[in-house]
C-alpha atoms as a PDB file:
ATOM      1  CA  MET A   1    -107.964 220.812-166.688  1.00  0.00           C
ATOM      2  CA  ALA A   2    -110.449 223.644-166.304  1.00  0.00           C
ATOM      3  CA  VAL A   3    -112.473 224.534-169.359  1.00  0.00           C
ATOM      4  CA  VAL A   4    -112.731 228.238-170.142  1.00  0.00           C
ATOM      5  CA  SER A   5    -116.367 228.781-171.044  1.00  0.00           C
ATOM      6  CA  ALA A   6    -115.975 232.070-172.906  1.00  0.00           C
ATOM      7  CA  LEU A   7    -113.331 232.471-175.566  1.00  0.00           C
ATOM      8  CA  ALA A   8    -111.045 235.341-174.625  1.00  0.00           C
ATOM      9  CA  LYS A   9    -111.342 238.125-177.191  1.00  0.00           C
ATOM     10  CA  PHE A  10    -108.625 240.653-177.904  1.00  0.00           C
ATOM     11  CA  LYS A  11    -109.026 243.706-180.110  1.00  0.00           C
ATOM     12  CA  LEU A  12    -106.064 244.553-182.350  1.00  0.00           C
ATOM     13  CA  VAL A  13    -106.100 247.890-184.143  1.00  0.00           C
ATOM     14  CA  PHE A  14    -103.754 248.376-187.110  1.00  0.00           C
ATOM     15  CA  LEU A  15    -102.429 251.907-187.527  1.00  0.00           C
ATOM     16  CA  GLY A  16    -100.025 253.660-189.865  1.00  0.00           C
ATOM     17  CA  ASP A  17     -99.786 255.782-192.987  1.00  0.00           C
ATOM     18  CA  GLN A  18    -101.506 254.956-196.244  1.00  0.00           C
ATOM     19  CA  SER A  19    -100.086 252.069-198.323  1.00  0.00           C
ATOM     20  CA  VAL A  20     -97.607 250.775-195.708  1.00  0.00           C
ATOM     21  CA  GLY A  21     -99.218 247.317-195.896  1.00  0.00           C
ATOM     22  CA  LYS A  22    -101.652 247.106-192.964  1.00  0.00           C
ATOM     23  CA  THR A  23    -104.317 245.339-195.018  1.00  0.00           C
ATOM     24  CA  SER A  24    -101.719 243.102-196.679  1.00  0.00           C
ATOM     25  CA  ILE A  25    -100.393 241.927-193.287  1.00  0.00           C
ATOM     26  CA  ILE A  26    -103.931 241.084-192.151  1.00  0.00           C
ATOM     27  CA  THR A  27    -104.753 239.335-195.459  1.00  0.00           C
ATOM     28  CA  ARG A  28    -101.561 237.276-195.294  1.00  0.00           C
ATOM     29  CA  PHE A  29    -102.340 236.248-191.704  1.00  0.00           C
ATOM     30  CA  MET A  30    -106.013 235.468-192.362  1.00  0.00           C
ATOM     31  CA  TYR A  31    -105.833 233.767-195.764  1.00  0.00           C
ATOM     32  CA  ASP A  32    -102.101 233.287-196.451  1.00  0.00           C
ATOM     33  CA  LYS A  33    -102.343 235.243-199.676  1.00  0.00           C
ATOM     34  CA  PHE A  34    -101.115 238.549-201.082  1.00  0.00           C
ATOM     35  CA  ASP A  35    -103.157 240.765-203.393  1.00  0.00           C
ATOM     36  CA  THR A  36    -100.938 242.608-205.883  1.00  0.00           C
ATOM     37  CA  ALA A  37    -103.719 245.056-206.800  1.00  0.00           C
ATOM     38  CA  TYR A  38    -103.608 247.837-204.208  1.00  0.00           C
ATOM     39  CA  GLN A  39    -106.933 249.100-202.914  1.00  0.00           C
ATOM     40  CA  ALA A  40    -106.988 251.713-200.179  1.00  0.00           C
ATOM     41  CA  THR A  41    -108.980 250.784-197.085  1.00  0.00           C
ATOM     42  CA  ILE A  42    -112.051 252.986-196.786  1.00  0.00           C
ATOM     43  CA  GLY A  43    -112.833 253.840-193.174  1.00  0.00           C
ATOM     44  CA  ILE A  44    -112.440 250.789-190.930  1.00  0.00           C
ATOM     45  CA  ASP A  45    -112.521 247.089-191.832  1.00  0.00           C
ATOM     46  CA  PHE A  46    -113.052 244.301-189.299  1.00  0.00           C
ATOM     47  CA  LEU A  47    -111.956 240.658-189.408  1.00  0.00           C
ATOM     48  CA  SER A  48    -111.855 238.008-186.727  1.00  0.00           C
ATOM     49  CA  LYS A  49    -109.649 234.938-186.359  1.00  0.00           C
ATOM     50  CA  THR A  50    -109.278 232.234-183.739  1.00  0.00           C
ATOM     51  CA  MET A  51    -105.703 231.380-182.742  1.00  0.00           C
ATOM     52  CA  TYR A  52    -104.931 227.978-181.285  1.00  0.00           C
ATOM     53  CA  LEU A  53    -101.959 228.248-178.957  1.00  0.00           C
ATOM     54  CA  GLU A  54    -100.219 225.572-176.920  1.00  0.00           C
ATOM     55  CA  ASP A  55    -102.138 226.300-173.736  1.00  0.00           C
ATOM     56  CA  ARG A  56    -105.209 228.216-174.833  1.00  0.00           C
ATOM     57  CA  THR A  57    -107.422 229.369-177.674  1.00  0.00           C
ATOM     58  CA  ILE A  58    -108.082 233.056-178.235  1.00  0.00           C
ATOM     59  CA  ARG A  59    -110.131 235.142-180.631  1.00  0.00           C
ATOM     60  CA  LEU A  60    -108.313 238.032-182.293  1.00  0.00           C
ATOM     61  CA  GLN A  61    -110.473 240.867-183.596  1.00  0.00           C
ATOM     62  CA  LEU A  62    -108.485 242.703-186.259  1.00  0.00           C
ATOM     63  CA  TRP A  63    -109.461 246.305-187.004  1.00  0.00           C
ATOM     64  CA  ASP A  64    -107.860 247.641-190.175  1.00  0.00           C
ATOM     65  CA  THR A  65    -107.848 251.444-190.272  1.00  0.00           C
ATOM     66  CA  ALA A  66    -107.534 253.695-193.308  1.00  0.00           C
ATOM     67  CA  GLY A  67    -104.266 255.606-193.577  1.00  0.00           C
ATOM     68  CA  GLN A  68    -105.745 258.597-195.383  1.00  0.00           C
ATOM     69  CA  GLU A  69    -105.934 261.845-193.444  1.00  0.00           C
ATOM     70  CA  ARG A  70    -109.684 262.231-193.988  1.00  0.00           C
ATOM     71  CA  PHE A  71    -110.371 259.151-191.858  1.00  0.00           C
ATOM     72  CA  ARG A  72    -108.143 260.171-188.939  1.00  0.00           C
ATOM     73  CA  SER A  73    -111.066 261.415-186.838  1.00  0.00           C
ATOM     74  CA  LEU A  74    -112.518 257.883-186.719  1.00  0.00           C
ATOM     75  CA  ILE A  75    -109.415 256.245-185.319  1.00  0.00           C
ATOM     76  CA  PRO A  76    -109.249 257.360-181.638  1.00  0.00           C
ATOM     77  CA  SER A  77    -112.555 255.625-180.878  1.00  0.00           C
ATOM     78  CA  TYR A  78    -111.116 252.342-182.179  1.00  0.00           C
ATOM     79  CA  ILE A  79    -107.905 252.751-180.192  1.00  0.00           C
ATOM     80  CA  ARG A  80    -109.858 253.424-177.008  1.00  0.00           C
ATOM     81  CA  ASP A  81    -110.896 249.837-176.245  1.00  0.00           C
ATOM     82  CA  SER A  82    -108.083 247.967-177.975  1.00  0.00           C
ATOM     83  CA  SER A  83    -105.789 245.417-176.335  1.00  0.00           C
ATOM     84  CA  VAL A  84    -103.092 245.790-178.983  1.00  0.00           C
ATOM     85  CA  ALA A  85    -102.021 248.570-181.348  1.00  0.00           C
ATOM     86  CA  VAL A  86    -100.000 247.398-184.355  1.00  0.00           C
ATOM     87  CA  ILE A  87     -98.262 250.434-185.860  1.00  0.00           C
ATOM     88  CA  VAL A  88     -96.963 249.715-189.350  1.00  0.00           C
ATOM     89  CA  TYR A  89     -94.450 251.566-191.508  1.00  0.00           C
ATOM     90  CA  ASP A  90     -92.877 250.845-194.887  1.00  0.00           C
ATOM     91  CA  VAL A  91     -89.106 250.232-194.640  1.00  0.00           C
ATOM     92  CA  ALA A  92     -88.807 251.786-198.127  1.00  0.00           C
ATOM     93  CA  ASN A  93     -90.648 254.966-197.067  1.00  0.00           C
ATOM     94  CA  ARG A  94     -88.784 256.970-194.452  1.00  0.00           C
ATOM     95  CA  GLN A  95     -91.621 259.402-193.838  1.00  0.00           C
ATOM     96  CA  SER A  96     -93.974 256.567-192.860  1.00  0.00           C
ATOM     97  CA  TYR A  97     -91.334 255.503-190.309  1.00  0.00           C
ATOM     98  CA  LEU A  98     -90.976 259.023-188.905  1.00  0.00           C
ATOM     99  CA  ASN A  99     -94.755 259.292-188.581  1.00  0.00           C
ATOM    100  CA  THR A 100     -94.928 256.227-186.314  1.00  0.00           C
ATOM    101  CA  SER A 101     -93.917 258.453-183.384  1.00  0.00           C
ATOM    102  CA  LYS A 102     -97.209 260.337-183.786  1.00  0.00           C
ATOM    103  CA  TRP A 103     -99.160 257.088-183.937  1.00  0.00           C
ATOM    104  CA  ILE A 104     -97.472 255.818-180.767  1.00  0.00           C
ATOM    105  CA  GLU A 105     -98.261 259.102-178.998  1.00  0.00           C
ATOM    106  CA  GLU A 106    -101.891 258.874-180.103  1.00  0.00           C
ATOM    107  CA  VAL A 107    -102.221 255.346-178.728  1.00  0.00           C
ATOM    108  CA  ARG A 108    -100.585 256.355-175.422  1.00  0.00           C
ATOM    109  CA  ALA A 109    -102.936 259.347-175.182  1.00  0.00           C
ATOM    110  CA  GLU A 110    -105.985 257.082-175.535  1.00  0.00           C
ATOM    111  CA  ARG A 111    -104.813 254.001-173.641  1.00  0.00           C
ATOM    112  CA  GLY A 112    -101.875 254.997-171.452  1.00  0.00           C
ATOM    113  CA  SER A 113     -99.810 251.939-170.578  1.00  0.00           C
ATOM    114  CA  ASP A 114    -102.828 249.617-170.649  1.00  0.00           C
ATOM    115  CA  VAL A 115    -102.117 248.448-174.189  1.00  0.00           C
ATOM    116  CA  ILE A 116     -99.553 246.367-176.070  1.00  0.00           C
ATOM    117  CA  ILE A 117     -97.893 248.341-178.868  1.00  0.00           C
ATOM    118  CA  VAL A 118     -96.016 246.622-181.688  1.00  0.00           C
ATOM    119  CA  LEU A 119     -93.949 248.589-184.186  1.00  0.00           C
ATOM    120  CA  VAL A 120     -93.832 246.745-187.515  1.00  0.00           C
ATOM    121  CA  GLY A 121     -91.468 247.540-190.384  1.00  0.00           C
ATOM    122  CA  ASN A 122     -93.140 246.025-193.445  1.00  0.00           C
ATOM    123  CA  LYS A 123     -92.034 245.444-197.074  1.00  0.00           C
ATOM    124  CA  THR A 124     -88.610 243.971-196.272  1.00  0.00           C
ATOM    125  CA  ASP A 125     -88.769 242.288-199.688  1.00  0.00           C
ATOM    126  CA  ILE A 126     -87.945 245.677-201.287  1.00  0.00           C
ATOM    127  CA  VAL A 127     -84.269 245.284-200.430  1.00  0.00           C
ATOM    128  CA  ASP A 128     -82.755 247.776-202.874  1.00  0.00           C
ATOM    129  CA  LYS A 129     -85.094 250.629-201.850  1.00  0.00           C
ATOM    130  CA  ARG A 130     -84.852 250.276-198.079  1.00  0.00           C
ATOM    131  CA  GLN A 131     -84.709 253.654-196.333  1.00  0.00           C
ATOM    132  CA  VAL A 132     -84.989 252.503-192.710  1.00  0.00           C
ATOM    133  CA  SER A 133     -82.555 250.022-191.204  1.00  0.00           C
ATOM    134  CA  ILE A 134     -83.593 247.276-188.801  1.00  0.00           C
ATOM    135  CA  GLU A 135     -81.349 248.938-186.196  1.00  0.00           C
ATOM    136  CA  GLU A 136     -83.308 252.200-186.510  1.00  0.00           C
ATOM    137  CA  GLY A 137     -86.623 250.426-186.121  1.00  0.00           C
ATOM    138  CA  ASP A 138     -85.357 248.486-183.128  1.00  0.00           C
ATOM    139  CA  GLY A 139     -83.946 251.679-181.624  1.00  0.00           C
ATOM    140  CA  LYS A 140     -87.254 253.525-181.902  1.00  0.00           C
ATOM    141  CA  ALA A 141     -89.088 250.571-180.360  1.00  0.00           C
ATOM    142  CA  ARG A 142     -86.663 250.545-177.407  1.00  0.00           C
ATOM    143  CA  GLU A 143     -86.988 254.312-177.036  1.00  0.00           C
ATOM    144  CA  HIS A 144     -90.771 254.064-176.756  1.00  0.00           C
ATOM    145  CA  GLY A 145     -90.836 250.799-174.801  1.00  0.00           C
ATOM    146  CA  VAL A 146     -92.739 248.869-177.458  1.00  0.00           C
ATOM    147  CA  MET A 147     -92.235 245.577-179.291  1.00  0.00           C
ATOM    148  CA  PHE A 148     -90.640 245.461-182.754  1.00  0.00           C
ATOM    149  CA  VAL A 149     -90.849 243.118-185.743  1.00  0.00           C
ATOM    150  CA  GLU A 150     -89.926 243.428-189.415  1.00  0.00           C
ATOM    151  CA  THR A 151     -92.200 241.699-191.919  1.00  0.00           C
ATOM    152  CA  SER A 152     -92.942 241.226-195.591  1.00  0.00           C
ATOM    153  CA  ALA A 153     -96.611 240.602-196.270  1.00  0.00           C
ATOM    154  CA  LYS A 154     -95.739 239.979-199.921  1.00  0.00           C
ATOM    155  CA  ALA A 155     -93.173 237.259-199.161  1.00  0.00           C
ATOM    156  CA  GLY A 156     -95.019 236.006-196.080  1.00  0.00           C
ATOM    157  CA  PHE A 157     -91.955 236.763-193.953  1.00  0.00           C
ATOM    158  CA  ASN A 158     -92.469 236.976-190.175  1.00  0.00           C
ATOM    159  CA  ILE A 159     -96.274 237.308-190.379  1.00  0.00           C
ATOM    160  CA  LYS A 160     -97.092 234.267-188.243  1.00  0.00           C
ATOM    161  CA  PRO A 161     -94.246 235.061-185.789  1.00  0.00           C
ATOM    162  CA  LEU A 162     -95.663 238.608-185.468  1.00  0.00           C
ATOM    163  CA  PHE A 163     -99.045 237.311-184.343  1.00  0.00           C
ATOM    164  CA  ARG A 164     -97.503 234.626-182.126  1.00  0.00           C
ATOM    165  CA  LYS A 165     -95.435 237.335-180.468  1.00  0.00           C
ATOM    166  CA  ILE A 166     -98.576 239.415-179.913  1.00  0.00           C
ATOM    167  CA  ALA A 167    -100.465 236.403-178.554  1.00  0.00           C
ATOM    168  CA  SER A 168     -97.686 235.547-176.107  1.00  0.00           C
ATOM    169  CA  ALA A 169     -97.775 239.095-174.707  1.00  0.00           C
ATOM    170  CA  LEU A 170    -101.533 239.127-174.148  1.00  0.00           C
ATOM    171  CA  PRO A 171    -102.882 238.869-170.610  1.00  0.00           C
ATOM    172  CA  GLY A 172    -103.340 235.282-169.446  1.00  0.00           C
ATOM    173  CA  MET A 173    -106.667 233.685-168.706  1.00  0.00           C
ATOM    174  CA  ASP A 174    -105.591 231.888-165.558  1.00  0.00           C
ATOM    175  CA  GLU A 175    -106.089 234.862-163.216  1.00  0.00           C
ATOM    176  CA  THR A 176    -109.449 235.294-161.531  1.00  0.00           C
ATOM    177  CA  PRO A 177    -110.915 238.535-162.891  1.00  0.00           C
ATOM    178  CA  SER A 178    -111.343 241.094-160.143  1.00  0.00           C
ATOM    179  CA  SER A 179    -112.588 243.985-162.232  1.00  0.00           C
ATOM    180  CA  THR A 180    -113.631 243.337-165.787  1.00  0.00           C
ATOM    181  CA  LYS A 181    -113.719 246.235-168.204  1.00  0.00           C
ATOM    182  CA  GLN A 182    -117.163 247.152-169.443  1.00  0.00           C
ATOM    183  CA  GLU A 183    -116.386 247.447-173.140  1.00  0.00           C
ATOM    184  CA  ASP A 184    -118.177 245.245-175.629  1.00  0.00           C
ATOM    185  CA  MET A 185    -115.134 244.298-177.649  1.00  0.00           C
ATOM    186  CA  VAL A 186    -112.782 243.245-174.885  1.00  0.00           C
ATOM    187  CA  ASP A 187    -114.110 240.747-172.383  1.00  0.00           C
ATOM    188  CA  VAL A 188    -110.931 239.958-170.468  1.00  0.00           C
ATOM    189  CA  ASN A 189    -109.513 241.535-167.373  1.00  0.00           C
ATOM    190  CA  LEU A 190    -106.629 243.731-168.453  1.00  0.00           C
ATOM    191  CA  LYS A 191    -106.188 245.803-165.314  1.00  0.00           C
ATOM    192  CA  SER A 192    -104.530 243.235-163.081  1.00  0.00           C
ATOM    193  CA  THR A 193    -102.021 242.296-165.764  1.00  0.00           C
ATOM    194  CA  SER A 194    -101.235 245.678-167.292  1.00  0.00           C
ATOM    195  CA  ASN A 195     -98.231 246.344-165.079  1.00  0.00           C
ATOM    196  CA  THR A 196     -96.546 243.025-165.708  1.00  0.00           C
ATOM    197  CA  ASN A 197     -97.445 243.282-169.357  1.00  0.00           C
ATOM    198  CA  GLN A 198     -95.804 246.664-169.684  1.00  0.00           C
ATOM    199  CA  SER A 199     -92.661 245.513-167.943  1.00  0.00           C
ATOM    200  CA  ASN A 200     -92.459 242.549-170.301  1.00  0.00           C
ATOM    201  CA  GLN A 201     -92.489 244.937-173.228  1.00  0.00           C
ATOM    202  CA  GLN A 202     -89.951 247.309-171.836  1.00  0.00           C
ATOM    203  CA  GLY A 203     -87.629 244.881-170.126  1.00  0.00           C
ATOM    204  CA  GLY A 204     -86.842 242.836-173.188  1.00  0.00           C
ATOM    205  CA  GLY A 205     -86.797 245.594-175.756  1.00  0.00           C
ATOM    206  CA  CYS A 206     -86.862 243.630-178.983  1.00  0.00           C
ATOM    207  CA  ALA A 207     -87.643 239.992-178.312  1.00  0.00           C
ATOM    208  CA  CYS A 208     -87.348 239.108-181.986  1.00  0.00           C
END
C-alpha cells in the first residue's frame, strides 16, 4: 500500500449569524465538551484536528468566524481558499435560518462550485422553542444543492456524523494531481474532483 508522504489538509470555514453555535460545534468536535458560558468569537479563530478514517488520514483546519456584523469584511478572504463551508443556523431562531441564504450566496460568489457547502441546523436540544422544522432545513439544502445535517453541540448530537459526512465528501487522495492550487492552506488538487464532488452533493440531496 502506497504511503502518502504529505498529510492532505482541508480548510473548513464556519459561517452563520452570531450565537448560532459555530464555536460550540467546533469545541464539541475537538474536545468533546460544551461550555455553558457564551463568549462571542472575536474576529477569526483557528483550530486544527487530524481525522483518522478507514482508508486515509486527513488534517482538518477549522476556521471559526465571528457572527457580528463588524467582522463581516474579514470573512470573504477566509472563504476564498476553503474546501468546505459549514453554514450554521439556530433551529430556535428563524431569522438565523433565513440569513443562511445570504451566506450560501456569499460562498458561491467566492468559490463557485469548487467548494463543499453544508447547512447545519444546530440547537436541536431546544425542542419546545424550535422555529425551523427539519423538513424546511432539508428543503433549503436541496434547493441550493448543498448537504444538510441537524446537530446539538450541547447534547453532542450528530457532531461526529457531521464531520464524517464532510470527510467522506472531500476529494480523494488517490488521483494523481495534475494542477495543484497555489494556496498555502489547501495542498490538495481540488480541480479534477470538483465536478464529481458537486454532483455527489446535488444528486443525493440530504444523505443524512
